[in-house]
Amino acid sequence: MAENFVYNTEPVRLAREAAVEAGAPAPSNGACALLTFLAKALDAKMVVEVGTGPGVSGLALLAGMAPDGVLTSIDIDADWQVGARQAFTAAGWPAQHFRLIAGVPLEVLPKLRDAAYDIVFVNGDKLEYVEYVTQAARLLRPGGVLIVNDVLWANKVAEPRNEEDETVIIREALQAVELDEAFTALIIPLGDGLLTAVRDGGSVGRDGGSVGRDGGFVGQKA
């Protein structure tokens, strides 16, 4: 596949190879490269990941984030997070660059700050994708990016006759983004499909202050 020619950092490559060998879920090589690219393009400091998994996507995000960036990764499976912590540490990431929260994402996400995050990466329970998208709209700063993994779902989403639960929910999540005027979206055909959506609005300064389209100061995060 062409995306196998895409470059990833050695820690991402090794972690992904180990995950695939163990039969653990991991984004494709191209999807990992896209996560790093978007984090780098945004100079991302604050990132939320829903679905830690074996830590492959987290490593890809960290590889592109700002030097003082912090990844917040949420997963209901504490065992995944033990492995992810080991992978992050083995790759040389100090603990202050990531916080792993073992818990139900829909209970944790509402506790995170509004408009404080550069990226929200959704890679958790497909049956909760609509709720994750709703939370992302609140969490992202203007100009921040929502990334939703597996939106093609083995091409089932594009098959109108497929009414499997996960397929239906993914369609509903895609429709929710399409109908939300705050987002400008694009589906990228890497891996099993990634939805990327920019949250429209004024730019946000590094101190948390938001600047409207007319240049006026809107407010500051708590």
N, C-alpha and C. Protein backbone atom coordinates (compact mmCIF):
# COMPACT_ATOMS: atom_id res chain seq x y z
N MET A 1 0.83 -1.20 0.00
CA MET A 1 0.00 0.00 0.00
C MET A 1 0.87 1.25 0.00
N ALA A 2 0.38 2.28 -0.67
CA ALA A 2 1.16 3.51 -0.79
C ALA A 2 1.45 4.12 0.56
N GLU A 3 0.51 4.02 1.51
CA GLU A 3 0.72 4.70 2.79
C GLU A 3 1.83 4.05 3.62
N ASN A 4 2.27 2.87 3.22
CA ASN A 4 3.38 2.25 3.92
C ASN A 4 4.71 2.96 3.64
N PHE A 5 4.72 3.84 2.64
CA PHE A 5 5.92 4.61 2.35
C PHE A 5 5.98 5.90 3.15
N VAL A 6 4.94 6.16 3.93
CA VAL A 6 4.90 7.39 4.73
C VAL A 6 5.83 7.25 5.93
N TYR A 7 6.53 8.34 6.26
CA TYR A 7 7.49 8.32 7.36
C TYR A 7 6.80 8.45 8.71
N ASN A 8 7.23 7.64 9.68
CA ASN A 8 6.88 7.82 11.08
C ASN A 8 8.15 7.78 11.91
N THR A 9 8.11 8.39 13.08
CA THR A 9 9.27 8.33 13.97
C THR A 9 9.50 6.88 14.40
N GLU A 10 10.72 6.58 14.79
CA GLU A 10 11.05 5.20 15.17
C GLU A 10 10.20 4.69 16.33
N PRO A 11 9.96 5.48 17.40
CA PRO A 11 9.10 4.98 18.48
C PRO A 11 7.70 4.62 18.01
N VAL A 12 7.13 5.44 17.11
CA VAL A 12 5.80 5.14 16.58
C VAL A 12 5.84 3.86 15.75
N ARG A 13 6.84 3.76 14.90
CA ARG A 13 6.96 2.58 14.03
C ARG A 13 7.11 1.30 14.85
N LEU A 14 7.99 1.34 15.85
CA LEU A 14 8.22 0.14 16.66
C LEU A 14 6.99 -0.23 17.48
N ALA A 15 6.33 0.79 18.05
CA ALA A 15 5.14 0.51 18.84
C ALA A 15 4.02 -0.05 17.98
N ARG A 16 3.89 0.48 16.78
CA ARG A 16 2.84 -0.01 15.89
C ARG A 16 3.13 -1.45 15.45
N GLU A 17 4.38 -1.73 15.13
CA GLU A 17 4.73 -3.09 14.75
C GLU A 17 4.46 -4.07 15.88
N ALA A 18 4.78 -3.67 17.11
CA ALA A 18 4.54 -4.54 18.26
C ALA A 18 3.03 -4.76 18.47
N ALA A 19 2.25 -3.71 18.29
CA ALA A 19 0.80 -3.83 18.47
C ALA A 19 0.20 -4.75 17.42
N VAL A 20 0.61 -4.58 16.19
CA VAL A 20 0.09 -5.42 15.11
C VAL A 20 0.46 -6.88 15.35
N GLU A 21 1.70 -7.11 15.77
CA GLU A 21 2.17 -8.48 16.03
C GLU A 21 1.38 -9.12 17.17
N ALA A 22 0.97 -8.30 18.14
CA ALA A 22 0.22 -8.82 19.29
C ALA A 22 -1.29 -8.88 19.02
N GLY A 23 -1.71 -8.42 17.85
CA GLY A 23 -3.13 -8.42 17.53
C GLY A 23 -3.90 -7.30 18.20
N ALA A 24 -3.19 -6.28 18.66
CA ALA A 24 -3.84 -5.14 19.32
C ALA A 24 -4.26 -4.10 18.27
N PRO A 25 -5.30 -3.35 18.55
CA PRO A 25 -5.73 -2.33 17.58
C PRO A 25 -4.73 -1.19 17.50
N ALA A 26 -4.45 -0.78 16.29
CA ALA A 26 -3.51 0.33 16.08
C ALA A 26 -3.85 1.02 14.77
N PRO A 27 -3.75 2.35 14.72
CA PRO A 27 -3.98 3.05 13.45
C PRO A 27 -2.97 2.60 12.41
N SER A 28 -3.34 2.76 11.15
CA SER A 28 -2.42 2.41 10.06
C SER A 28 -1.20 3.33 10.07
N ASN A 29 -0.21 2.94 9.29
CA ASN A 29 1.00 3.75 9.19
C ASN A 29 0.67 5.17 8.72
N GLY A 30 -0.16 5.26 7.70
CA GLY A 30 -0.54 6.57 7.18
C GLY A 30 -1.34 7.38 8.17
N ALA A 31 -2.23 6.71 8.91
CA ALA A 31 -3.03 7.43 9.91
C ALA A 31 -2.13 7.99 11.02
N CYS A 32 -1.14 7.22 11.44
CA CYS A 32 -0.20 7.71 12.44
C CYS A 32 0.56 8.93 11.93
N ALA A 33 0.99 8.87 10.68
CA ALA A 33 1.70 10.01 10.10
C ALA A 33 0.81 11.25 10.05
N LEU A 34 -0.48 11.04 9.77
CA LEU A 34 -1.40 12.18 9.74
C LEU A 34 -1.55 12.80 11.12
N LEU A 35 -1.65 11.98 12.16
CA LEU A 35 -1.76 12.51 13.53
C LEU A 35 -0.55 13.37 13.87
N THR A 36 0.64 12.88 13.54
CA THR A 36 1.85 13.67 13.79
C THR A 36 1.84 14.96 12.99
N PHE A 37 1.44 14.87 11.73
CA PHE A 37 1.41 16.04 10.86
C PHE A 37 0.47 17.12 11.40
N LEU A 38 -0.74 16.72 11.79
CA LEU A 38 -1.71 17.70 12.27
C LEU A 38 -1.27 18.32 13.60
N ALA A 39 -0.72 17.49 14.48
CA ALA A 39 -0.23 18.03 15.75
C ALA A 39 0.90 19.04 15.52
N LYS A 40 1.76 18.73 14.55
CA LYS A 40 2.87 19.64 14.23
C LYS A 40 2.35 20.92 13.57
N ALA A 41 1.40 20.78 12.65
CA ALA A 41 0.86 21.94 11.93
C ALA A 41 0.17 22.91 12.88
N LEU A 42 -0.47 22.37 13.91
CA LEU A 42 -1.18 23.21 14.88
C LEU A 42 -0.28 23.66 16.02
N ASP A 43 0.96 23.15 16.07
CA ASP A 43 1.84 23.39 17.21
C ASP A 43 1.07 23.07 18.50
N ALA A 44 0.44 21.91 18.49
CA ALA A 44 -0.53 21.55 19.53
C ALA A 44 0.13 21.44 20.91
N LYS A 45 -0.49 22.11 21.87
CA LYS A 45 -0.05 22.03 23.25
C LYS A 45 -0.99 21.19 24.11
N MET A 46 -2.27 21.21 23.76
CA MET A 46 -3.27 20.51 24.57
C MET A 46 -4.06 19.59 23.64
N VAL A 47 -3.96 18.29 23.90
CA VAL A 47 -4.61 17.30 23.05
C VAL A 47 -5.37 16.31 23.93
N VAL A 48 -6.58 15.96 23.50
CA VAL A 48 -7.37 14.92 24.16
C VAL A 48 -7.48 13.73 23.22
N GLU A 49 -7.24 12.56 23.77
CA GLU A 49 -7.39 11.31 23.01
C GLU A 49 -8.43 10.45 23.72
N VAL A 50 -9.45 10.04 22.99
CA VAL A 50 -10.47 9.13 23.53
C VAL A 50 -10.17 7.74 23.00
N GLY A 51 -9.67 6.88 23.87
CA GLY A 51 -9.25 5.55 23.46
C GLY A 51 -7.74 5.44 23.39
N THR A 52 -7.12 5.11 24.52
CA THR A 52 -5.66 5.05 24.60
C THR A 52 -5.09 3.90 23.78
N GLY A 53 -5.76 2.72 23.89
CA GLY A 53 -5.23 1.54 23.22
C GLY A 53 -3.82 1.23 23.69
N PRO A 54 -2.99 0.65 22.83
CA PRO A 54 -1.63 0.30 23.23
C PRO A 54 -0.66 1.47 23.21
N GLY A 55 -1.15 2.68 22.91
CA GLY A 55 -0.30 3.85 22.97
C GLY A 55 0.29 4.30 21.64
N VAL A 56 -0.07 3.61 20.55
CA VAL A 56 0.50 3.95 19.25
C VAL A 56 0.05 5.34 18.80
N SER A 57 -1.25 5.60 18.84
CA SER A 57 -1.75 6.90 18.41
C SER A 57 -1.26 8.01 19.33
N GLY A 58 -1.13 7.71 20.62
CA GLY A 58 -0.60 8.70 21.55
C GLY A 58 0.83 9.09 21.21
N LEU A 59 1.64 8.11 20.87
CA LEU A 59 3.02 8.39 20.47
C LEU A 59 3.06 9.23 19.19
N ALA A 60 2.14 8.93 18.26
CA ALA A 60 2.10 9.69 17.02
C ALA A 60 1.73 11.15 17.29
N LEU A 61 0.77 11.37 18.18
CA LEU A 61 0.39 12.73 18.53
C LEU A 61 1.53 13.46 19.24
N LEU A 62 2.13 12.80 20.22
CA LEU A 62 3.23 13.41 20.97
C LEU A 62 4.38 13.80 20.05
N ALA A 63 4.62 13.00 19.03
CA ALA A 63 5.74 13.27 18.11
C ALA A 63 5.59 14.60 17.39
N GLY A 64 4.34 15.08 17.24
CA GLY A 64 4.14 16.34 16.55
C GLY A 64 3.81 17.51 17.44
N MET A 65 3.56 17.25 18.72
CA MET A 65 3.13 18.31 19.62
C MET A 65 4.26 19.25 20.01
N ALA A 66 3.88 20.42 20.53
CA ALA A 66 4.85 21.40 20.99
C ALA A 66 5.71 20.81 22.11
N PRO A 67 6.93 21.34 22.30
CA PRO A 67 7.82 20.79 23.32
C PRO A 67 7.23 20.78 24.73
N ASP A 68 6.32 21.70 25.02
CA ASP A 68 5.70 21.74 26.33
C ASP A 68 4.25 21.24 26.29
N GLY A 69 3.93 20.46 25.26
CA GLY A 69 2.58 19.95 25.10
C GLY A 69 2.23 18.87 26.10
N VAL A 70 0.92 18.69 26.33
CA VAL A 70 0.42 17.66 27.23
C VAL A 70 -0.69 16.89 26.54
N LEU A 71 -0.54 15.58 26.47
CA LEU A 71 -1.55 14.69 25.93
C LEU A 71 -2.39 14.12 27.07
N THR A 72 -3.71 14.31 26.99
CA THR A 72 -4.64 13.70 27.93
C THR A 72 -5.33 12.54 27.23
N SER A 73 -5.08 11.32 27.70
CA SER A 73 -5.62 10.14 27.03
C SER A 73 -6.53 9.38 27.99
N ILE A 74 -7.73 9.07 27.50
CA ILE A 74 -8.77 8.46 28.34
C ILE A 74 -9.12 7.08 27.80
N ASP A 75 -9.19 6.10 28.70
CA ASP A 75 -9.60 4.75 28.28
C ASP A 75 -10.23 4.05 29.47
N ILE A 76 -11.28 3.30 29.21
CA ILE A 76 -11.94 2.56 30.28
C ILE A 76 -11.12 1.36 30.72
N ASP A 77 -10.21 0.91 29.86
CA ASP A 77 -9.39 -0.27 30.13
C ASP A 77 -8.05 0.17 30.73
N ALA A 78 -7.90 -0.04 32.03
CA ALA A 78 -6.67 0.37 32.71
C ALA A 78 -5.46 -0.41 32.22
N ASP A 79 -5.66 -1.64 31.75
CA ASP A 79 -4.54 -2.44 31.26
C ASP A 79 -3.91 -1.82 30.01
N TRP A 80 -4.75 -1.26 29.14
CA TRP A 80 -4.21 -0.57 27.97
C TRP A 80 -3.31 0.57 28.42
N GLN A 81 -3.74 1.27 29.45
CA GLN A 81 -2.99 2.45 29.88
C GLN A 81 -1.66 2.08 30.54
N VAL A 82 -1.61 0.93 31.18
CA VAL A 82 -0.34 0.47 31.72
C VAL A 82 0.66 0.26 30.58
N GLY A 83 0.20 -0.39 29.52
CA GLY A 83 1.07 -0.61 28.36
C GLY A 83 1.44 0.68 27.67
N ALA A 84 0.48 1.60 27.57
CA ALA A 84 0.75 2.89 26.92
C ALA A 84 1.78 3.68 27.71
N ARG A 85 1.64 3.67 29.03
CA ARG A 85 2.61 4.39 29.87
C ARG A 85 4.02 3.83 29.65
N GLN A 86 4.12 2.51 29.56
CA GLN A 86 5.42 1.89 29.32
C GLN A 86 5.97 2.30 27.95
N ALA A 87 5.08 2.36 26.95
CA ALA A 87 5.51 2.75 25.60
C ALA A 87 5.97 4.21 25.58
N PHE A 88 5.24 5.09 26.26
CA PHE A 88 5.63 6.50 26.29
C PHE A 88 6.97 6.68 27.00
N THR A 89 7.13 5.99 28.11
CA THR A 89 8.37 6.09 28.88
C THR A 89 9.55 5.53 28.09
N ALA A 90 9.33 4.38 27.43
CA ALA A 90 10.40 3.78 26.63
C ALA A 90 10.81 4.68 25.47
N ALA A 91 9.87 5.49 24.98
CA ALA A 91 10.18 6.41 23.89
C ALA A 91 10.85 7.69 24.37
N GLY A 92 11.01 7.83 25.68
CA GLY A 92 11.71 8.97 26.24
C GLY A 92 10.83 10.14 26.63
N TRP A 93 9.50 9.93 26.71
CA TRP A 93 8.61 11.03 27.08
C TRP A 93 8.49 11.13 28.59
N PRO A 94 8.87 12.26 29.19
CA PRO A 94 8.70 12.45 30.63
C PRO A 94 7.22 12.46 31.00
N ALA A 95 6.93 12.11 32.24
CA ALA A 95 5.55 11.97 32.69
C ALA A 95 4.76 13.27 32.59
N GLN A 96 5.43 14.42 32.63
CA GLN A 96 4.68 15.68 32.59
C GLN A 96 4.09 15.97 31.21
N HIS A 97 4.45 15.17 30.21
CA HIS A 97 3.93 15.39 28.86
C HIS A 97 2.66 14.58 28.57
N PHE A 98 2.25 13.75 29.49
CA PHE A 98 1.03 12.98 29.26
C PHE A 98 0.34 12.69 30.59
N ARG A 99 -0.98 12.64 30.53
CA ARG A 99 -1.74 12.16 31.67
C ARG A 99 -2.74 11.14 31.16
N LEU A 100 -2.69 9.97 31.78
CA LEU A 100 -3.53 8.85 31.39
C LEU A 100 -4.65 8.72 32.41
N ILE A 101 -5.88 8.80 31.94
CA ILE A 101 -7.04 8.74 32.83
C ILE A 101 -7.82 7.46 32.54
N ALA A 102 -7.83 6.56 33.52
CA ALA A 102 -8.60 5.32 33.40
C ALA A 102 -10.02 5.60 33.87
N GLY A 103 -10.96 5.59 32.95
CA GLY A 103 -12.33 5.88 33.31
C GLY A 103 -13.23 5.84 32.09
N VAL A 104 -14.52 5.99 32.32
CA VAL A 104 -15.50 6.02 31.24
C VAL A 104 -15.38 7.37 30.54
N PRO A 105 -15.07 7.39 29.26
CA PRO A 105 -14.84 8.67 28.58
C PRO A 105 -16.00 9.67 28.73
N LEU A 106 -17.23 9.20 28.66
CA LEU A 106 -18.36 10.12 28.75
C LEU A 106 -18.58 10.65 30.17
N GLU A 107 -17.87 10.09 31.14
CA GLU A 107 -17.88 10.65 32.49
C GLU A 107 -16.69 11.59 32.69
N VAL A 108 -15.60 11.35 31.97
CA VAL A 108 -14.39 12.17 32.12
C VAL A 108 -14.45 13.43 31.26
N LEU A 109 -14.89 13.30 30.02
CA LEU A 109 -14.87 14.43 29.09
C LEU A 109 -15.60 15.67 29.61
N PRO A 110 -16.78 15.53 30.23
CA PRO A 110 -17.46 16.73 30.72
C PRO A 110 -16.69 17.50 31.79
N LYS A 111 -15.68 16.87 32.39
CA LYS A 111 -14.90 17.52 33.43
C LYS A 111 -13.72 18.32 32.86
N LEU A 112 -13.48 18.20 31.56
CA LEU A 112 -12.38 18.92 30.93
C LEU A 112 -12.85 20.31 30.52
N ARG A 113 -11.88 21.23 30.41
CA ARG A 113 -12.20 22.64 30.18
C ARG A 113 -12.73 22.93 28.78
N ASP A 114 -13.67 23.85 28.71
CA ASP A 114 -14.21 24.30 27.43
C ASP A 114 -13.14 25.04 26.62
N ALA A 115 -13.19 24.85 25.31
CA ALA A 115 -12.37 25.62 24.36
C ALA A 115 -10.90 25.68 24.75
N ALA A 116 -10.38 24.59 25.30
CA ALA A 116 -9.00 24.59 25.80
C ALA A 116 -8.05 23.71 24.99
N TYR A 117 -8.57 22.98 24.00
CA TYR A 117 -7.76 21.95 23.37
C TYR A 117 -7.56 22.21 21.88
N ASP A 118 -6.35 21.89 21.42
CA ASP A 118 -5.99 22.07 20.02
C ASP A 118 -6.50 20.92 19.16
N ILE A 119 -6.51 19.72 19.72
CA ILE A 119 -6.95 18.52 18.99
C ILE A 119 -7.76 17.64 19.93
N VAL A 120 -8.84 17.07 19.41
CA VAL A 120 -9.54 15.97 20.06
C VAL A 120 -9.52 14.80 19.09
N PHE A 121 -8.89 13.71 19.50
CA PHE A 121 -8.80 12.51 18.67
C PHE A 121 -9.73 11.45 19.23
N VAL A 122 -10.70 11.05 18.43
CA VAL A 122 -11.71 10.07 18.85
C VAL A 122 -11.35 8.71 18.27
N ASN A 123 -11.10 7.75 19.15
CA ASN A 123 -10.72 6.41 18.73
C ASN A 123 -11.25 5.38 19.73
N GLY A 124 -12.39 5.70 20.35
CA GLY A 124 -12.93 4.84 21.39
C GLY A 124 -14.09 3.99 20.90
N ASP A 125 -15.05 3.76 21.79
CA ASP A 125 -16.21 2.92 21.51
C ASP A 125 -17.03 3.54 20.37
N LYS A 126 -17.18 2.81 19.29
CA LYS A 126 -17.92 3.33 18.13
C LYS A 126 -19.35 3.68 18.49
N LEU A 127 -19.95 2.98 19.44
CA LEU A 127 -21.33 3.23 19.81
C LEU A 127 -21.51 4.54 20.57
N GLU A 128 -20.40 5.18 20.91
CA GLU A 128 -20.47 6.47 21.62
C GLU A 128 -19.90 7.61 20.78
N TYR A 129 -19.71 7.37 19.51
CA TYR A 129 -19.08 8.39 18.64
C TYR A 129 -19.88 9.69 18.60
N VAL A 130 -21.20 9.62 18.57
CA VAL A 130 -22.00 10.84 18.50
C VAL A 130 -21.76 11.69 19.73
N GLU A 131 -21.75 11.06 20.90
CA GLU A 131 -21.51 11.80 22.15
C GLU A 131 -20.10 12.37 22.20
N TYR A 132 -19.12 11.62 21.66
CA TYR A 132 -17.75 12.13 21.64
C TYR A 132 -17.65 13.38 20.76
N VAL A 133 -18.34 13.36 19.63
CA VAL A 133 -18.33 14.53 18.74
C VAL A 133 -18.95 15.73 19.44
N THR A 134 -20.02 15.51 20.17
CA THR A 134 -20.66 16.59 20.92
C THR A 134 -19.70 17.19 21.93
N GLN A 135 -18.98 16.34 22.64
CA GLN A 135 -18.02 16.82 23.63
C GLN A 135 -16.86 17.56 22.95
N ALA A 136 -16.42 17.05 21.80
CA ALA A 136 -15.31 17.68 21.10
C ALA A 136 -15.65 19.11 20.69
N ALA A 137 -16.89 19.33 20.26
CA ALA A 137 -17.30 20.67 19.85
C ALA A 137 -17.15 21.66 21.00
N ARG A 138 -17.34 21.19 22.21
CA ARG A 138 -17.19 22.05 23.39
C ARG A 138 -15.73 22.22 23.79
N LEU A 139 -14.96 21.17 23.66
CA LEU A 139 -13.58 21.17 24.15
C LEU A 139 -12.61 21.91 23.24
N LEU A 140 -12.88 21.92 21.94
CA LEU A 140 -11.92 22.50 20.99
C LEU A 140 -11.94 24.02 21.01
N ARG A 141 -10.76 24.60 20.95
CA ARG A 141 -10.64 26.04 20.75
C ARG A 141 -11.00 26.36 19.30
N PRO A 142 -11.37 27.59 18.99
CA PRO A 142 -11.52 27.98 17.59
C PRO A 142 -10.21 27.72 16.84
N GLY A 143 -10.31 27.06 15.70
CA GLY A 143 -9.13 26.68 14.96
C GLY A 143 -8.60 25.31 15.34
N GLY A 144 -9.16 24.72 16.40
CA GLY A 144 -8.77 23.37 16.79
C GLY A 144 -9.36 22.32 15.85
N VAL A 145 -8.83 21.11 15.93
CA VAL A 145 -9.20 20.07 14.96
C VAL A 145 -9.73 18.82 15.67
N LEU A 146 -10.89 18.38 15.20
CA LEU A 146 -11.45 17.09 15.59
C LEU A 146 -10.96 16.04 14.61
N ILE A 147 -10.48 14.91 15.13
CA ILE A 147 -10.07 13.78 14.30
C ILE A 147 -10.83 12.55 14.79
N VAL A 148 -11.56 11.92 13.89
CA VAL A 148 -12.33 10.73 14.26
C VAL A 148 -11.83 9.56 13.44
N ASN A 149 -11.41 8.50 14.10
CA ASN A 149 -10.81 7.35 13.43
C ASN A 149 -11.87 6.34 12.99
N ASP A 150 -11.53 5.56 11.96
CA ASP A 150 -12.35 4.43 11.49
C ASP A 150 -13.71 4.84 10.95
N VAL A 151 -13.81 5.99 10.30
CA VAL A 151 -15.13 6.46 9.88
C VAL A 151 -15.63 5.76 8.60
N LEU A 152 -14.77 5.03 7.90
CA LEU A 152 -15.24 4.24 6.77
C LEU A 152 -15.66 2.84 7.22
N TRP A 153 -15.07 2.39 8.31
CA TRP A 153 -15.47 1.12 8.98
C TRP A 153 -15.57 -0.03 7.97
N ALA A 154 -14.41 -0.32 7.37
CA ALA A 154 -14.32 -1.41 6.38
C ALA A 154 -15.32 -1.22 5.24
N ASN A 155 -15.54 0.04 4.86
CA ASN A 155 -16.45 0.42 3.78
C ASN A 155 -17.92 0.13 4.08
N LYS A 156 -18.23 -0.18 5.33
CA LYS A 156 -19.62 -0.47 5.68
C LYS A 156 -20.45 0.82 5.76
N VAL A 157 -19.81 1.92 6.15
CA VAL A 157 -20.55 3.18 6.32
C VAL A 157 -21.14 3.64 4.99
N ALA A 158 -20.43 3.39 3.91
CA ALA A 158 -20.88 3.83 2.59
C ALA A 158 -21.89 2.87 1.97
N GLU A 159 -22.15 1.75 2.62
CA GLU A 159 -23.10 0.76 2.11
C GLU A 159 -24.47 1.01 2.74
N PRO A 160 -25.43 1.58 2.01
CA PRO A 160 -26.71 1.97 2.60
C PRO A 160 -27.48 0.82 3.25
N ARG A 161 -27.27 -0.38 2.77
CA ARG A 161 -28.03 -1.51 3.30
C ARG A 161 -27.46 -2.04 4.61
N ASN A 162 -26.26 -1.58 4.96
CA ASN A 162 -25.66 -2.06 6.20
C ASN A 162 -26.23 -1.30 7.39
N GLU A 163 -26.91 -2.02 8.28
CA GLU A 163 -27.56 -1.41 9.43
C GLU A 163 -26.99 -1.92 10.75
N GLU A 164 -25.74 -2.38 10.72
CA GLU A 164 -25.10 -2.79 11.97
C GLU A 164 -25.00 -1.60 12.91
N ASP A 165 -25.03 -1.88 14.22
CA ASP A 165 -25.09 -0.80 15.21
C ASP A 165 -23.94 0.19 15.04
N GLU A 166 -22.71 -0.32 14.94
CA GLU A 166 -21.56 0.57 14.83
C GLU A 166 -21.63 1.42 13.57
N THR A 167 -22.05 0.78 12.48
CA THR A 167 -22.15 1.49 11.20
C THR A 167 -23.14 2.64 11.29
N VAL A 168 -24.29 2.37 11.86
CA VAL A 168 -25.34 3.39 11.99
C VAL A 168 -24.86 4.56 12.85
N ILE A 169 -24.19 4.25 13.96
CA ILE A 169 -23.73 5.31 14.86
C ILE A 169 -22.64 6.15 14.20
N ILE A 170 -21.73 5.51 13.47
CA ILE A 170 -20.70 6.28 12.77
C ILE A 170 -21.34 7.22 11.76
N ARG A 171 -22.34 6.73 11.03
CA ARG A 171 -23.05 7.61 10.09
C ARG A 171 -23.66 8.80 10.82
N GLU A 172 -24.25 8.54 11.98
CA GLU A 172 -24.88 9.62 12.74
C GLU A 172 -23.84 10.63 13.22
N ALA A 173 -22.65 10.14 13.60
CA ALA A 173 -21.58 11.04 14.03
C ALA A 173 -21.12 11.92 12.86
N LEU A 174 -20.97 11.31 11.70
CA LEU A 174 -20.57 12.08 10.52
C LEU A 174 -21.62 13.13 10.17
N GLN A 175 -22.88 12.75 10.30
CA GLN A 175 -23.96 13.71 10.01
C GLN A 175 -23.96 14.85 11.02
N ALA A 176 -23.67 14.52 12.27
CA ALA A 176 -23.64 15.55 13.31
C ALA A 176 -22.58 16.59 13.00
N VAL A 177 -21.42 16.15 12.53
CA VAL A 177 -20.36 17.09 12.16
C VAL A 177 -20.77 17.90 10.93
N GLU A 178 -21.38 17.22 9.95
CA GLU A 178 -21.80 17.91 8.73
C GLU A 178 -22.81 19.01 9.02
N LEU A 179 -23.72 18.75 9.97
CA LEU A 179 -24.79 19.70 10.26
C LEU A 179 -24.36 20.80 11.23
N ASP A 180 -23.21 20.60 11.86
CA ASP A 180 -22.73 21.60 12.82
C ASP A 180 -21.97 22.69 12.06
N GLU A 181 -22.53 23.89 12.02
CA GLU A 181 -21.91 24.97 11.26
C GLU A 181 -20.58 25.42 11.85
N ALA A 182 -20.27 24.96 13.04
CA ALA A 182 -18.99 25.32 13.66
C ALA A 182 -17.82 24.53 13.07
N PHE A 183 -18.10 23.50 12.28
CA PHE A 183 -17.05 22.65 11.73
C PHE A 183 -16.95 22.76 10.22
N THR A 184 -15.72 22.70 9.72
CA THR A 184 -15.43 22.50 8.31
C THR A 184 -14.69 21.17 8.21
N ALA A 185 -15.29 20.19 7.53
CA ALA A 185 -14.84 18.81 7.65
C ALA A 185 -14.34 18.22 6.34
N LEU A 186 -13.54 17.17 6.49
CA LEU A 186 -12.99 16.42 5.36
C LEU A 186 -12.72 15.00 5.82
N ILE A 187 -13.08 14.01 4.99
CA ILE A 187 -12.72 12.62 5.27
C ILE A 187 -11.47 12.28 4.47
N ILE A 188 -10.47 11.77 5.17
CA ILE A 188 -9.19 11.42 4.54
C ILE A 188 -9.10 9.89 4.47
N PRO A 189 -8.92 9.33 3.27
CA PRO A 189 -8.94 7.87 3.11
C PRO A 189 -7.61 7.21 3.46
N LEU A 190 -7.18 7.37 4.70
CA LEU A 190 -6.02 6.65 5.23
C LEU A 190 -6.51 5.65 6.26
N GLY A 191 -5.85 4.50 6.31
CA GLY A 191 -6.30 3.48 7.25
C GLY A 191 -7.73 3.09 6.94
N ASP A 192 -8.59 3.14 7.96
CA ASP A 192 -10.01 2.85 7.78
C ASP A 192 -10.82 4.14 7.73
N GLY A 193 -10.16 5.22 7.31
CA GLY A 193 -10.83 6.50 7.14
C GLY A 193 -10.74 7.37 8.38
N LEU A 194 -10.33 8.62 8.19
CA LEU A 194 -10.29 9.58 9.30
C LEU A 194 -11.08 10.82 8.92
N LEU A 195 -12.03 11.18 9.76
CA LEU A 195 -12.69 12.47 9.62
C LEU A 195 -11.83 13.52 10.30
N THR A 196 -11.53 14.58 9.60
CA THR A 196 -10.85 15.73 10.20
C THR A 196 -11.78 16.93 10.05
N ALA A 197 -11.94 17.70 11.11
CA ALA A 197 -12.86 18.83 11.07
C ALA A 197 -12.28 19.98 11.88
N VAL A 198 -12.14 21.13 11.25
CA VAL A 198 -11.63 22.33 11.92
C VAL A 198 -12.79 23.06 12.56
N ARG A 199 -12.60 23.43 13.83
CA ARG A 199 -13.63 24.21 14.50
C ARG A 199 -13.47 25.67 14.11
N ASP A 200 -14.49 26.22 13.48
CA ASP A 200 -14.43 27.59 12.99
C ASP A 200 -14.47 28.59 14.14
N GLY A 201 -14.07 29.81 13.84
CA GLY A 201 -14.13 30.86 14.85
C GLY A 201 -12.85 31.65 14.86
N GLY A 202 -12.74 32.61 15.79
CA GLY A 202 -11.54 33.42 15.92
C GLY A 202 -10.38 32.60 16.42
N SER A 203 -9.19 33.15 16.28
CA SER A 203 -8.00 32.47 16.77
C SER A 203 -7.91 32.59 18.28
N VAL A 204 -7.18 31.64 18.88
CA VAL A 204 -7.01 31.64 20.33
C VAL A 204 -5.54 31.76 20.66
N GLY A 205 -5.20 32.71 21.49
CA GLY A 205 -3.81 32.90 21.89
C GLY A 205 -3.35 31.84 22.86
N ARG A 206 -2.04 31.74 23.05
CA ARG A 206 -1.48 30.73 23.94
C ARG A 206 -1.84 30.97 25.40
N ASP A 207 -2.26 32.21 25.75
CA ASP A 207 -2.69 32.46 27.12
C ASP A 207 -4.15 32.13 27.32
N GLY A 208 -4.79 31.60 26.28
CA GLY A 208 -6.18 31.21 26.40
C GLY A 208 -7.14 32.28 25.97
N GLY A 209 -6.67 33.51 25.70
CA GLY A 209 -7.56 34.56 25.25
C GLY A 209 -7.98 34.31 23.81
N SER A 210 -9.24 34.58 23.50
CA SER A 210 -9.76 34.35 22.17
C SER A 210 -9.92 35.66 21.44
N VAL A 211 -9.51 35.66 20.18
CA VAL A 211 -9.61 36.86 19.37
C VAL A 211 -10.62 36.63 18.26
N GLY A 212 -11.63 37.46 18.19
CA GLY A 212 -12.67 37.31 17.19
C GLY A 212 -12.16 37.64 15.81
N ARG A 213 -13.02 37.41 14.80
CA ARG A 213 -12.63 37.65 13.41
C ARG A 213 -12.32 39.13 13.15
N ASP A 214 -12.91 40.00 13.96
CA ASP A 214 -12.65 41.44 13.79
C ASP A 214 -11.43 41.89 14.59
N GLY A 215 -10.77 40.93 15.27
CA GLY A 215 -9.57 41.26 16.03
C GLY A 215 -9.86 41.64 17.46
N GLY A 216 -11.14 41.73 17.84
CA GLY A 216 -11.48 42.10 19.20
C GLY A 216 -11.30 40.96 20.18
N PHE A 217 -10.94 41.29 21.40
CA PHE A 217 -10.73 40.29 22.44
C PHE A 217 -12.06 39.76 22.93
N VAL A 218 -12.22 38.44 22.95
CA VAL A 218 -13.49 37.83 23.32
C VAL A 218 -13.51 37.44 24.78
N GLY A 219 -12.44 36.81 25.24
CA GLY A 219 -12.45 36.36 26.63
C GLY A 219 -11.24 35.50 26.94
N GLN A 220 -11.19 35.01 28.16
CA GLN A 220 -10.05 34.21 28.60
C GLN A 220 -10.56 33.02 29.35
N LYS A 221 -9.91 31.88 29.13
CA LYS A 221 -10.33 30.65 29.78
C LYS A 221 -10.03 30.71 31.27
N ALA A 222 -10.85 30.03 32.02
CA ALA A 222 -10.64 29.98 33.48
C ALA A 222 -9.45 29.11 33.80
